[in-house]
Amino acid sequence: PALLLATALTAQEKKEGPIQDNSFLVEEAYNQEAGVVQHISTFTRYRESKDWIYTFTQEWPVFSQKHQFSFTLPWQRLGASLDGKQAFGDVALNYRYQLLGDGDAPVAISPRFSLLLPTGDEKTGYGRGATGYQVNLPESFMLGEAFVGHFNAGATRTPQARNPLGDKATTQDVSLGQSLIWLAHPRFNVMLEYVHARNQAVA
C-alpha cells in the first residue's frame, strides 16, 4: 500500500506540474485552461500619501485556451489624508489570445487588449472620465528546468480624458515589466520582479 500511495502521489504531482501563475506584478503569458476560472486579488498602498487601491480580477477561458476573457474591478481610496473617501474606479474588460505556446512550452506569448470603462468619478479623481484602450504583450520563457522569466510591454491611451476641473486631453501611459522566477519546488517559487510605469494626467 505504501508503494502504491507513493506512486499515486508522484503521478499526481507530475500531472499538476509546477506553479505557472507565479508573478504578482508582471503578467504571465499563460491563458486559463478550459474549465478553469481564476480569481486574482491585489492590494497596493502608497507609503507617503496613504492612498490604496484594491483590484479583483476574474479570468474565464472562452471555449478553449486560445481565447480568454476577464474583468477587473478596482476599489480605491485616494486623498486619504483629506477625507478618506472610498469609491470604484474605472472597470477594465480584457481579452487575451494565446498566440504562441502554453504552460508546457519553452516560450509563450499572449497579447492582451483591454477596454477601460469610465465607471469612476473623474470629478473626485477616481476615474479618467473617458473610455480608454490598453494593449499589453506578455511573454513567458523557460530558462532551463529551474528558472522562468516573464516580460511585459504595454501602453494605454485615453482620448479626451478629463480631470476634476473638467479640462480635457488625450493621455498616454507606458509600462515595462520583468520577472525572474526560481522554481525551487513544484509548490514553492522565489520571485524577483521589476515594473516601470510612466503615466500622464490632465493638467
N, C-alpha and C. Protein backbone atom coordinates (compact mmCIF):
# COMPACT_ATOMS: atom_id res chain seq x y z
N PRO A 1 0.82 -1.20 0.00
CA PRO A 1 0.00 0.00 0.00
C PRO A 1 0.86 1.26 0.00
N ALA A 2 1.98 1.25 0.74
CA ALA A 2 2.84 2.43 0.80
C ALA A 2 3.44 2.73 -0.57
N LEU A 3 3.82 1.68 -1.29
CA LEU A 3 4.40 1.87 -2.61
C LEU A 3 3.37 2.42 -3.59
N LEU A 4 2.16 1.90 -3.51
CA LEU A 4 1.10 2.38 -4.38
C LEU A 4 0.78 3.84 -4.09
N LEU A 5 0.75 4.23 -2.82
CA LEU A 5 0.47 5.61 -2.44
C LEU A 5 1.54 6.54 -2.96
N ALA A 6 2.81 6.13 -2.82
CA ALA A 6 3.91 6.97 -3.30
C ALA A 6 3.84 7.13 -4.81
N THR A 7 3.49 6.06 -5.52
CA THR A 7 3.38 6.14 -6.97
C THR A 7 2.25 7.07 -7.39
N ALA A 8 1.13 6.98 -6.66
CA ALA A 8 -0.02 7.84 -6.98
C ALA A 8 0.31 9.31 -6.75
N LEU A 9 1.01 9.60 -5.64
CA LEU A 9 1.38 10.98 -5.35
C LEU A 9 2.35 11.52 -6.39
N THR A 10 3.30 10.68 -6.80
CA THR A 10 4.26 11.11 -7.82
C THR A 10 3.57 11.39 -9.14
N ALA A 11 2.65 10.53 -9.52
CA ALA A 11 1.91 10.73 -10.77
C ALA A 11 1.07 11.99 -10.71
N GLN A 12 0.44 12.24 -9.55
CA GLN A 12 -0.39 13.43 -9.41
C GLN A 12 0.46 14.69 -9.50
N GLU A 13 1.62 14.68 -8.83
CA GLU A 13 2.50 15.83 -8.86
C GLU A 13 3.00 16.10 -10.26
N LYS A 14 3.32 15.03 -11.00
CA LYS A 14 3.79 15.19 -12.36
C LYS A 14 2.69 15.73 -13.25
N LYS A 15 1.47 15.28 -13.02
CA LYS A 15 0.35 15.76 -13.81
C LYS A 15 0.08 17.23 -13.55
N GLU A 16 0.12 17.64 -12.27
CA GLU A 16 -0.16 19.03 -11.92
C GLU A 16 0.95 19.95 -12.39
N GLY A 17 2.19 19.52 -12.30
CA GLY A 17 3.30 20.34 -12.75
C GLY A 17 3.58 21.48 -11.79
N PRO A 18 4.56 22.32 -12.13
CA PRO A 18 4.93 23.44 -11.25
C PRO A 18 3.90 24.56 -11.30
N ILE A 19 4.02 25.50 -10.39
CA ILE A 19 3.17 26.67 -10.37
C ILE A 19 3.45 27.49 -11.63
N GLN A 20 2.41 27.86 -12.37
CA GLN A 20 2.58 28.66 -13.58
C GLN A 20 2.27 30.13 -13.34
N ASP A 21 1.18 30.41 -12.66
CA ASP A 21 0.82 31.80 -12.38
C ASP A 21 1.66 32.27 -11.20
N ASN A 22 2.93 32.56 -11.49
CA ASN A 22 3.88 32.78 -10.40
C ASN A 22 4.49 34.17 -10.42
N SER A 23 3.66 35.18 -10.75
CA SER A 23 4.10 36.57 -10.64
C SER A 23 2.98 37.38 -10.02
N PHE A 24 3.35 38.43 -9.30
CA PHE A 24 2.38 39.34 -8.72
C PHE A 24 2.24 40.62 -9.53
N LEU A 25 3.35 41.20 -9.93
CA LEU A 25 3.36 42.49 -10.61
C LEU A 25 3.43 42.35 -12.12
N VAL A 26 3.92 41.22 -12.62
CA VAL A 26 4.12 41.01 -14.05
C VAL A 26 3.12 39.97 -14.54
N GLU A 27 2.57 40.18 -15.72
CA GLU A 27 1.54 39.30 -16.28
C GLU A 27 2.19 38.13 -17.02
N GLU A 28 1.80 36.91 -16.66
CA GLU A 28 2.30 35.74 -17.36
C GLU A 28 1.56 35.56 -18.69
N ALA A 29 2.16 34.81 -19.61
CA ALA A 29 1.58 34.62 -20.94
C ALA A 29 0.85 33.29 -21.06
N TYR A 30 0.23 32.82 -19.97
CA TYR A 30 -0.49 31.55 -19.99
C TYR A 30 -1.98 31.82 -19.81
N ASN A 31 -2.78 31.54 -20.83
CA ASN A 31 -4.22 31.63 -20.68
C ASN A 31 -4.74 30.50 -19.79
N GLN A 32 -5.94 30.72 -19.26
CA GLN A 32 -6.56 29.70 -18.42
C GLN A 32 -6.98 28.49 -19.27
N GLU A 33 -6.79 27.30 -18.71
CA GLU A 33 -7.21 26.08 -19.39
C GLU A 33 -8.73 25.99 -19.39
N ALA A 34 -9.26 25.25 -20.34
CA ALA A 34 -10.70 25.08 -20.44
C ALA A 34 -11.26 24.52 -19.14
N GLY A 35 -12.33 25.13 -18.65
CA GLY A 35 -12.96 24.69 -17.43
C GLY A 35 -12.35 25.24 -16.16
N VAL A 36 -11.32 26.09 -16.28
CA VAL A 36 -10.65 26.65 -15.11
C VAL A 36 -10.89 28.15 -15.06
N VAL A 37 -11.43 28.64 -13.93
CA VAL A 37 -11.66 30.06 -13.71
C VAL A 37 -10.72 30.52 -12.61
N GLN A 38 -10.02 31.62 -12.84
CA GLN A 38 -9.06 32.11 -11.85
C GLN A 38 -9.52 33.43 -11.26
N HIS A 39 -9.32 33.58 -9.95
CA HIS A 39 -9.64 34.81 -9.23
C HIS A 39 -8.34 35.44 -8.74
N ILE A 40 -8.15 36.72 -9.00
CA ILE A 40 -6.92 37.42 -8.61
C ILE A 40 -7.28 38.65 -7.81
N SER A 41 -6.68 38.80 -6.64
CA SER A 41 -6.86 39.99 -5.81
C SER A 41 -5.51 40.64 -5.58
N THR A 42 -5.47 41.97 -5.74
CA THR A 42 -4.25 42.71 -5.45
C THR A 42 -4.58 43.90 -4.56
N PHE A 43 -3.64 44.26 -3.70
CA PHE A 43 -3.80 45.42 -2.83
C PHE A 43 -2.50 46.21 -2.84
N THR A 44 -2.60 47.48 -3.20
CA THR A 44 -1.43 48.36 -3.26
C THR A 44 -1.66 49.56 -2.36
N ARG A 45 -0.69 49.85 -1.51
CA ARG A 45 -0.77 51.01 -0.62
C ARG A 45 0.45 51.89 -0.83
N TYR A 46 0.20 53.19 -0.97
CA TYR A 46 1.28 54.14 -1.21
C TYR A 46 1.75 54.72 0.12
N ARG A 47 3.03 54.62 0.36
CA ARG A 47 3.58 54.93 1.67
C ARG A 47 3.40 56.39 2.06
N GLU A 48 3.68 57.32 1.15
CA GLU A 48 3.65 58.74 1.51
C GLU A 48 2.23 59.28 1.62
N SER A 49 1.39 58.97 0.63
CA SER A 49 0.04 59.55 0.62
C SER A 49 -0.97 58.75 1.44
N LYS A 50 -0.63 57.50 1.77
CA LYS A 50 -1.54 56.58 2.47
C LYS A 50 -2.72 56.16 1.59
N ASP A 51 -2.71 56.53 0.30
CA ASP A 51 -3.73 56.06 -0.63
C ASP A 51 -3.57 54.57 -0.86
N TRP A 52 -4.64 53.91 -1.25
CA TRP A 52 -4.55 52.49 -1.58
C TRP A 52 -5.56 52.14 -2.66
N ILE A 53 -5.31 51.02 -3.33
CA ILE A 53 -6.22 50.51 -4.34
C ILE A 53 -6.28 48.99 -4.25
N TYR A 54 -7.48 48.46 -4.27
CA TYR A 54 -7.71 47.01 -4.28
C TYR A 54 -8.36 46.66 -5.61
N THR A 55 -7.88 45.61 -6.27
CA THR A 55 -8.48 45.17 -7.53
C THR A 55 -8.83 43.69 -7.44
N PHE A 56 -9.96 43.36 -8.04
CA PHE A 56 -10.40 41.97 -8.16
C PHE A 56 -10.54 41.65 -9.64
N THR A 57 -9.84 40.61 -10.09
CA THR A 57 -9.87 40.18 -11.48
C THR A 57 -10.34 38.74 -11.55
N GLN A 58 -11.22 38.46 -12.49
CA GLN A 58 -11.68 37.09 -12.74
C GLN A 58 -11.42 36.74 -14.20
N GLU A 59 -10.73 35.61 -14.43
CA GLU A 59 -10.34 35.18 -15.77
C GLU A 59 -11.13 33.95 -16.19
N TRP A 60 -11.69 33.99 -17.40
CA TRP A 60 -12.51 32.91 -17.94
C TRP A 60 -11.97 32.45 -19.29
N PRO A 61 -11.76 31.15 -19.47
CA PRO A 61 -11.45 30.66 -20.82
C PRO A 61 -12.71 30.71 -21.68
N VAL A 62 -12.55 31.05 -22.95
CA VAL A 62 -13.69 31.13 -23.87
C VAL A 62 -13.57 29.99 -24.87
N PHE A 63 -14.29 28.89 -24.62
CA PHE A 63 -14.33 27.69 -25.45
C PHE A 63 -13.03 26.88 -25.39
N SER A 64 -11.89 27.54 -25.39
CA SER A 64 -10.62 26.84 -25.35
C SER A 64 -9.57 27.74 -24.71
N GLN A 65 -8.35 27.23 -24.60
CA GLN A 65 -7.28 28.01 -24.01
C GLN A 65 -6.79 29.13 -24.93
N LYS A 66 -7.17 29.10 -26.18
CA LYS A 66 -6.74 30.13 -27.13
C LYS A 66 -7.30 31.49 -26.78
N HIS A 67 -8.52 31.51 -26.26
CA HIS A 67 -9.20 32.77 -26.00
C HIS A 67 -9.53 32.89 -24.52
N GLN A 68 -9.33 34.08 -23.97
CA GLN A 68 -9.61 34.30 -22.55
C GLN A 68 -10.23 35.68 -22.35
N PHE A 69 -11.30 35.71 -21.56
CA PHE A 69 -11.94 36.96 -21.18
C PHE A 69 -11.77 37.17 -19.69
N SER A 70 -11.58 38.41 -19.28
CA SER A 70 -11.50 38.72 -17.86
C SER A 70 -12.00 40.14 -17.61
N PHE A 71 -12.32 40.42 -16.37
CA PHE A 71 -12.70 41.78 -15.98
C PHE A 71 -11.96 42.13 -14.70
N THR A 72 -11.71 43.41 -14.51
CA THR A 72 -11.01 43.91 -13.34
C THR A 72 -11.84 45.01 -12.68
N LEU A 73 -12.15 44.82 -11.40
CA LEU A 73 -12.93 45.79 -10.64
C LEU A 73 -12.01 46.48 -9.61
N PRO A 74 -11.84 47.80 -9.69
CA PRO A 74 -10.98 48.49 -8.73
C PRO A 74 -11.80 49.20 -7.64
N TRP A 75 -11.38 49.03 -6.40
CA TRP A 75 -11.95 49.76 -5.26
C TRP A 75 -10.80 50.50 -4.60
N GLN A 76 -10.92 51.80 -4.42
CA GLN A 76 -9.75 52.58 -4.03
C GLN A 76 -10.08 53.69 -3.06
N ARG A 77 -9.02 54.18 -2.42
CA ARG A 77 -9.13 55.36 -1.57
C ARG A 77 -8.02 56.32 -1.97
N LEU A 78 -8.41 57.46 -2.49
CA LEU A 78 -7.46 58.48 -2.90
C LEU A 78 -7.65 59.72 -2.03
N GLY A 79 -6.58 60.47 -1.86
CA GLY A 79 -6.68 61.64 -0.99
C GLY A 79 -7.02 61.23 0.43
N ALA A 80 -6.43 60.10 0.86
CA ALA A 80 -6.76 59.55 2.18
C ALA A 80 -6.46 60.53 3.31
N SER A 81 -5.45 61.36 3.11
CA SER A 81 -5.10 62.30 4.17
C SER A 81 -6.11 63.43 4.30
N LEU A 82 -7.03 63.56 3.32
CA LEU A 82 -8.02 64.63 3.34
C LEU A 82 -9.38 64.16 3.85
N ASP A 83 -10.00 63.20 3.15
CA ASP A 83 -11.35 62.79 3.54
C ASP A 83 -11.52 61.29 3.72
N GLY A 84 -10.57 60.51 3.25
CA GLY A 84 -10.66 59.06 3.40
C GLY A 84 -11.77 58.42 2.62
N LYS A 85 -12.24 59.08 1.54
CA LYS A 85 -13.34 58.54 0.76
C LYS A 85 -12.90 57.31 -0.01
N GLN A 86 -13.80 56.34 -0.12
CA GLN A 86 -13.56 55.13 -0.90
C GLN A 86 -14.58 55.06 -2.03
N ALA A 87 -14.13 54.61 -3.21
CA ALA A 87 -15.04 54.57 -4.35
C ALA A 87 -14.48 53.63 -5.42
N PHE A 88 -15.36 53.24 -6.36
CA PHE A 88 -14.94 52.45 -7.50
C PHE A 88 -14.16 53.32 -8.48
N GLY A 89 -13.21 52.69 -9.18
CA GLY A 89 -12.50 53.36 -10.25
C GLY A 89 -13.01 52.88 -11.60
N ASP A 90 -12.19 52.99 -12.62
CA ASP A 90 -12.57 52.57 -13.97
C ASP A 90 -12.43 51.06 -14.12
N VAL A 91 -13.48 50.41 -14.59
CA VAL A 91 -13.51 48.96 -14.77
C VAL A 91 -12.85 48.58 -16.09
N ALA A 92 -12.09 47.49 -16.08
CA ALA A 92 -11.41 47.01 -17.29
C ALA A 92 -12.03 45.71 -17.77
N LEU A 93 -12.29 45.63 -19.08
CA LEU A 93 -12.73 44.40 -19.75
C LEU A 93 -11.57 43.94 -20.63
N ASN A 94 -11.11 42.71 -20.43
CA ASN A 94 -9.86 42.25 -21.05
C ASN A 94 -10.09 41.03 -21.93
N TYR A 95 -9.38 41.01 -23.06
CA TYR A 95 -9.37 39.83 -23.93
C TYR A 95 -7.92 39.48 -24.23
N ARG A 96 -7.58 38.18 -24.08
CA ARG A 96 -6.23 37.70 -24.39
C ARG A 96 -6.30 36.54 -25.38
N TYR A 97 -5.33 36.55 -26.28
CA TYR A 97 -5.24 35.49 -27.28
C TYR A 97 -3.92 34.75 -27.10
N GLN A 98 -4.00 33.43 -26.97
CA GLN A 98 -2.79 32.61 -26.83
C GLN A 98 -2.14 32.47 -28.19
N LEU A 99 -1.24 33.41 -28.51
CA LEU A 99 -0.62 33.44 -29.84
C LEU A 99 0.39 32.32 -30.03
N LEU A 100 1.14 32.02 -28.97
CA LEU A 100 2.20 31.03 -29.08
C LEU A 100 2.34 30.28 -27.77
N GLY A 101 2.49 28.96 -27.86
CA GLY A 101 2.81 28.14 -26.70
C GLY A 101 1.71 28.04 -25.67
N ASP A 102 2.07 27.47 -24.52
CA ASP A 102 1.18 27.34 -23.36
C ASP A 102 2.08 27.09 -22.15
N GLY A 103 1.52 26.56 -21.07
CA GLY A 103 2.30 26.35 -19.88
C GLY A 103 3.37 25.29 -20.00
N ASP A 104 3.29 24.44 -21.02
CA ASP A 104 4.27 23.38 -21.21
C ASP A 104 5.32 23.73 -22.27
N ALA A 105 5.18 24.87 -22.92
CA ALA A 105 6.08 25.25 -24.00
C ALA A 105 7.24 26.09 -23.46
N PRO A 106 8.40 26.04 -24.12
CA PRO A 106 9.53 26.85 -23.66
C PRO A 106 9.29 28.34 -23.80
N VAL A 107 8.44 28.75 -24.75
CA VAL A 107 8.12 30.16 -24.94
C VAL A 107 6.61 30.29 -25.14
N ALA A 108 6.01 31.26 -24.48
CA ALA A 108 4.57 31.52 -24.63
C ALA A 108 4.37 33.02 -24.80
N ILE A 109 3.47 33.38 -25.72
CA ILE A 109 3.14 34.79 -25.98
C ILE A 109 1.62 34.91 -26.02
N SER A 110 1.08 35.88 -25.28
CA SER A 110 -0.37 36.01 -25.19
C SER A 110 -0.76 37.49 -25.14
N PRO A 111 -0.86 38.17 -26.29
CA PRO A 111 -1.21 39.60 -26.28
C PRO A 111 -2.60 39.84 -25.72
N ARG A 112 -2.72 40.98 -25.03
CA ARG A 112 -4.00 41.33 -24.40
C ARG A 112 -4.45 42.71 -24.86
N PHE A 113 -5.77 42.84 -25.07
CA PHE A 113 -6.41 44.13 -25.34
C PHE A 113 -7.45 44.39 -24.28
N SER A 114 -7.45 45.60 -23.73
CA SER A 114 -8.38 45.94 -22.66
C SER A 114 -9.15 47.21 -23.02
N LEU A 115 -10.42 47.19 -22.66
CA LEU A 115 -11.28 48.36 -22.77
C LEU A 115 -11.51 48.90 -21.37
N LEU A 116 -11.11 50.15 -21.12
CA LEU A 116 -11.21 50.76 -19.80
C LEU A 116 -12.45 51.65 -19.77
N LEU A 117 -13.45 51.22 -19.03
CA LEU A 117 -14.73 51.93 -18.98
C LEU A 117 -14.69 53.07 -17.96
N PRO A 118 -15.28 54.21 -18.28
CA PRO A 118 -15.24 55.36 -17.36
C PRO A 118 -16.26 55.24 -16.23
N THR A 119 -16.14 54.21 -15.41
CA THR A 119 -17.08 53.99 -14.32
C THR A 119 -16.71 54.76 -13.05
N GLY A 120 -15.47 55.25 -12.97
CA GLY A 120 -15.05 56.04 -11.82
C GLY A 120 -15.46 57.50 -11.99
N ASP A 121 -15.54 58.21 -10.89
CA ASP A 121 -15.94 59.61 -10.89
C ASP A 121 -14.71 60.49 -11.08
N GLU A 122 -14.55 61.05 -12.28
CA GLU A 122 -13.38 61.88 -12.54
C GLU A 122 -13.41 63.20 -11.78
N LYS A 123 -14.60 63.63 -11.34
CA LYS A 123 -14.70 64.89 -10.61
C LYS A 123 -14.03 64.81 -9.24
N THR A 124 -13.88 63.60 -8.72
CA THR A 124 -13.19 63.43 -7.44
C THR A 124 -11.85 62.72 -7.62
N GLY A 125 -11.43 62.54 -8.89
CA GLY A 125 -10.13 61.93 -9.15
C GLY A 125 -10.11 60.42 -9.16
N TYR A 126 -11.30 59.79 -9.20
CA TYR A 126 -11.36 58.33 -9.15
C TYR A 126 -11.52 57.68 -10.52
N GLY A 127 -11.42 58.47 -11.58
CA GLY A 127 -11.53 57.92 -12.92
C GLY A 127 -10.96 58.89 -13.92
N ARG A 128 -10.92 58.45 -15.18
CA ARG A 128 -10.37 59.30 -16.25
C ARG A 128 -11.45 60.06 -17.00
N GLY A 129 -12.71 59.71 -16.78
CA GLY A 129 -13.79 60.45 -17.41
C GLY A 129 -13.99 60.16 -18.87
N ALA A 130 -13.33 59.12 -19.42
CA ALA A 130 -13.47 58.76 -20.82
C ALA A 130 -13.04 57.32 -20.99
N THR A 131 -13.47 56.71 -22.09
CA THR A 131 -13.10 55.33 -22.39
C THR A 131 -11.65 55.26 -22.83
N GLY A 132 -10.90 54.32 -22.25
CA GLY A 132 -9.51 54.15 -22.60
C GLY A 132 -9.26 52.80 -23.25
N TYR A 133 -8.10 52.68 -23.91
CA TYR A 133 -7.72 51.46 -24.61
C TYR A 133 -6.31 51.07 -24.17
N GLN A 134 -6.14 49.81 -23.87
CA GLN A 134 -4.85 49.34 -23.37
C GLN A 134 -4.43 48.07 -24.11
N VAL A 135 -3.16 47.99 -24.43
CA VAL A 135 -2.59 46.78 -25.01
C VAL A 135 -1.39 46.37 -24.15
N ASN A 136 -1.21 45.07 -24.03
CA ASN A 136 -0.06 44.55 -23.28
C ASN A 136 0.43 43.28 -23.96
N LEU A 137 1.75 43.14 -24.01
CA LEU A 137 2.34 41.96 -24.64
C LEU A 137 3.12 41.18 -23.60
N PRO A 138 2.49 40.15 -23.01
CA PRO A 138 3.21 39.29 -22.06
C PRO A 138 3.94 38.17 -22.81
N GLU A 139 5.16 37.91 -22.38
CA GLU A 139 5.95 36.80 -22.91
C GLU A 139 6.55 36.03 -21.75
N SER A 140 6.39 34.73 -21.76
CA SER A 140 6.94 33.85 -20.72
C SER A 140 7.90 32.86 -21.38
N PHE A 141 9.01 32.61 -20.72
CA PHE A 141 10.00 31.71 -21.32
C PHE A 141 10.72 30.93 -20.23
N MET A 142 11.03 29.69 -20.55
CA MET A 142 11.76 28.81 -19.65
C MET A 142 13.26 29.06 -19.79
N LEU A 143 13.95 29.06 -18.66
CA LEU A 143 15.41 29.18 -18.63
C LEU A 143 15.95 27.92 -17.96
N GLY A 144 15.99 26.83 -18.71
CA GLY A 144 16.35 25.56 -18.12
C GLY A 144 15.17 24.98 -17.36
N GLU A 145 15.43 24.09 -16.44
CA GLU A 145 14.38 23.45 -15.66
C GLU A 145 14.08 24.18 -14.35
N ALA A 146 14.94 25.10 -13.94
CA ALA A 146 14.80 25.71 -12.62
C ALA A 146 14.35 27.16 -12.65
N PHE A 147 14.34 27.81 -13.83
CA PHE A 147 14.02 29.24 -13.87
C PHE A 147 13.03 29.52 -14.99
N VAL A 148 12.16 30.51 -14.71
CA VAL A 148 11.19 31.01 -15.68
C VAL A 148 11.25 32.53 -15.67
N GLY A 149 11.13 33.14 -16.83
CA GLY A 149 11.11 34.59 -16.94
C GLY A 149 9.81 35.06 -17.57
N HIS A 150 9.33 36.22 -17.13
CA HIS A 150 8.14 36.84 -17.71
C HIS A 150 8.48 38.27 -18.08
N PHE A 151 8.11 38.70 -19.30
CA PHE A 151 8.37 40.05 -19.77
C PHE A 151 7.07 40.69 -20.23
N ASN A 152 6.87 41.97 -19.90
CA ASN A 152 5.68 42.72 -20.31
C ASN A 152 6.07 44.04 -20.96
N ALA A 153 5.34 44.42 -21.98
CA ALA A 153 5.43 45.75 -22.57
C ALA A 153 4.01 46.20 -22.89
N GLY A 154 3.59 47.34 -22.33
CA GLY A 154 2.21 47.76 -22.51
C GLY A 154 2.07 49.25 -22.70
N ALA A 155 0.90 49.65 -23.22
CA ALA A 155 0.60 51.06 -23.43
C ALA A 155 -0.90 51.28 -23.26
N THR A 156 -1.26 52.46 -22.76
CA THR A 156 -2.66 52.83 -22.56
C THR A 156 -2.90 54.20 -23.17
N ARG A 157 -3.98 54.35 -23.89
CA ARG A 157 -4.34 55.64 -24.49
C ARG A 157 -5.79 55.96 -24.12
N THR A 158 -5.99 57.17 -23.61
CA THR A 158 -7.34 57.59 -23.22
C THR A 158 -7.65 58.91 -23.91
N PRO A 159 -8.36 58.88 -25.05
CA PRO A 159 -8.74 60.13 -25.73
C PRO A 159 -9.75 60.92 -24.89
N GLN A 160 -9.57 62.20 -24.84
CA GLN A 160 -10.50 63.10 -24.15
C GLN A 160 -10.65 62.78 -22.66
N ALA A 161 -9.55 62.38 -22.04
CA ALA A 161 -9.58 62.19 -20.59
C ALA A 161 -9.84 63.51 -19.89
N ARG A 162 -10.46 63.46 -18.72
CA ARG A 162 -10.83 64.69 -18.00
C ARG A 162 -10.27 64.67 -16.59
N ASN A 163 -9.96 65.84 -16.08
CA ASN A 163 -9.54 65.97 -14.69
C ASN A 163 -10.71 66.51 -13.86
N PRO A 164 -10.55 66.65 -12.54
CA PRO A 164 -11.68 67.12 -11.71
C PRO A 164 -12.21 68.50 -12.10
N LEU A 165 -11.41 69.32 -12.79
CA LEU A 165 -11.86 70.65 -13.20
C LEU A 165 -12.59 70.63 -14.54
N GLY A 166 -12.63 69.48 -15.20
CA GLY A 166 -13.31 69.37 -16.48
C GLY A 166 -12.42 69.60 -17.69
N ASP A 167 -11.13 69.86 -17.48
CA ASP A 167 -10.22 70.01 -18.61
C ASP A 167 -10.05 68.68 -19.32
N LYS A 168 -9.86 68.72 -20.65
CA LYS A 168 -9.77 67.50 -21.45
C LYS A 168 -8.44 67.44 -22.19
N ALA A 169 -7.91 66.24 -22.33
CA ALA A 169 -6.71 66.00 -23.11
C ALA A 169 -6.56 64.49 -23.30
N THR A 170 -5.80 64.09 -24.29
CA THR A 170 -5.52 62.67 -24.51
C THR A 170 -4.30 62.29 -23.69
N THR A 171 -4.42 61.24 -22.89
CA THR A 171 -3.30 60.78 -22.07
C THR A 171 -2.77 59.47 -22.64
N GLN A 172 -1.47 59.28 -22.48
CA GLN A 172 -0.81 58.07 -22.94
C GLN A 172 0.13 57.56 -21.85
N ASP A 173 -0.03 56.29 -21.50
CA ASP A 173 0.78 55.66 -20.45
C ASP A 173 1.57 54.51 -21.08
N VAL A 174 2.73 54.24 -20.53
CA VAL A 174 3.52 53.09 -20.97
C VAL A 174 4.00 52.33 -19.74
N SER A 175 4.23 51.03 -19.90
CA SER A 175 4.71 50.21 -18.79
C SER A 175 5.62 49.10 -19.32
N LEU A 176 6.60 48.75 -18.51
CA LEU A 176 7.51 47.65 -18.79
C LEU A 176 7.67 46.82 -17.53
N GLY A 177 7.76 45.52 -17.68
CA GLY A 177 7.93 44.66 -16.51
C GLY A 177 8.78 43.45 -16.83
N GLN A 178 9.51 42.99 -15.83
CA GLN A 178 10.34 41.80 -15.99
C GLN A 178 10.38 41.05 -14.67
N SER A 179 10.23 39.74 -14.73
CA SER A 179 10.34 38.93 -13.52
C SER A 179 11.22 37.72 -13.81
N LEU A 180 11.90 37.27 -12.78
CA LEU A 180 12.70 36.05 -12.84
C LEU A 180 12.25 35.15 -11.69
N ILE A 181 11.81 33.95 -12.04
CA ILE A 181 11.23 33.03 -11.07
C ILE A 181 12.14 31.81 -10.92
N TRP A 182 12.47 31.50 -9.69
CA TRP A 182 13.22 30.28 -9.39
C TRP A 182 12.25 29.22 -8.93
N LEU A 183 12.12 28.15 -9.69
CA LEU A 183 11.23 27.05 -9.34
C LEU A 183 11.94 26.14 -8.34
N ALA A 184 12.00 26.62 -7.11
CA ALA A 184 12.73 25.88 -6.08
C ALA A 184 12.07 24.55 -5.76
N HIS A 185 10.74 24.50 -5.88
CA HIS A 185 9.96 23.29 -5.57
C HIS A 185 8.68 23.40 -6.38
N PRO A 186 8.04 22.27 -6.75
CA PRO A 186 6.79 22.36 -7.51
C PRO A 186 5.73 23.24 -6.85
N ARG A 187 5.81 23.44 -5.53
CA ARG A 187 4.83 24.26 -4.84
C ARG A 187 5.46 25.42 -4.09
N PHE A 188 6.69 25.81 -4.48
CA PHE A 188 7.34 26.94 -3.83
C PHE A 188 8.24 27.64 -4.85
N ASN A 189 7.95 28.92 -5.10
CA ASN A 189 8.73 29.73 -6.04
C ASN A 189 9.38 30.90 -5.32
N VAL A 190 10.54 31.30 -5.80
CA VAL A 190 11.22 32.52 -5.34
C VAL A 190 11.19 33.52 -6.49
N MET A 191 10.70 34.74 -6.23
CA MET A 191 10.44 35.70 -7.30
C MET A 191 11.25 36.97 -7.14
N LEU A 192 11.69 37.50 -8.28
CA LEU A 192 12.31 38.83 -8.35
C LEU A 192 11.60 39.55 -9.49
N GLU A 193 10.92 40.66 -9.16
CA GLU A 193 10.12 41.37 -10.15
C GLU A 193 10.47 42.86 -10.17
N TYR A 194 10.38 43.44 -11.38
CA TYR A 194 10.61 44.88 -11.54
C TYR A 194 9.60 45.42 -12.54
N VAL A 195 8.94 46.52 -12.19
CA VAL A 195 7.97 47.15 -13.07
C VAL A 195 8.26 48.64 -13.16
N HIS A 196 8.26 49.16 -14.39
CA HIS A 196 8.42 50.59 -14.62
C HIS A 196 7.16 51.10 -15.32
N ALA A 197 6.57 52.18 -14.82
CA ALA A 197 5.38 52.75 -15.43
C ALA A 197 5.54 54.26 -15.54
N ARG A 198 5.08 54.81 -16.65
CA ARG A 198 5.07 56.25 -16.85
C ARG A 198 3.65 56.65 -17.24
N ASN A 199 2.99 57.42 -16.37
CA ASN A 199 1.59 57.75 -16.56
C ASN A 199 1.41 59.25 -16.75
N GLN A 200 0.46 59.61 -17.58
CA GLN A 200 0.13 61.01 -17.81
C GLN A 200 -1.20 61.35 -17.16
N ALA A 201 -1.36 62.60 -16.79
CA ALA A 201 -2.61 63.10 -16.23
C ALA A 201 -2.94 64.44 -16.86
N VAL A 202 -4.21 64.76 -16.91
CA VAL A 202 -4.65 66.04 -17.47
C VAL A 202 -4.36 67.13 -16.47
N ALA A 203 -3.63 68.17 -16.91
CA ALA A 203 -3.27 69.28 -16.03
C ALA A 203 -3.93 70.56 -16.53
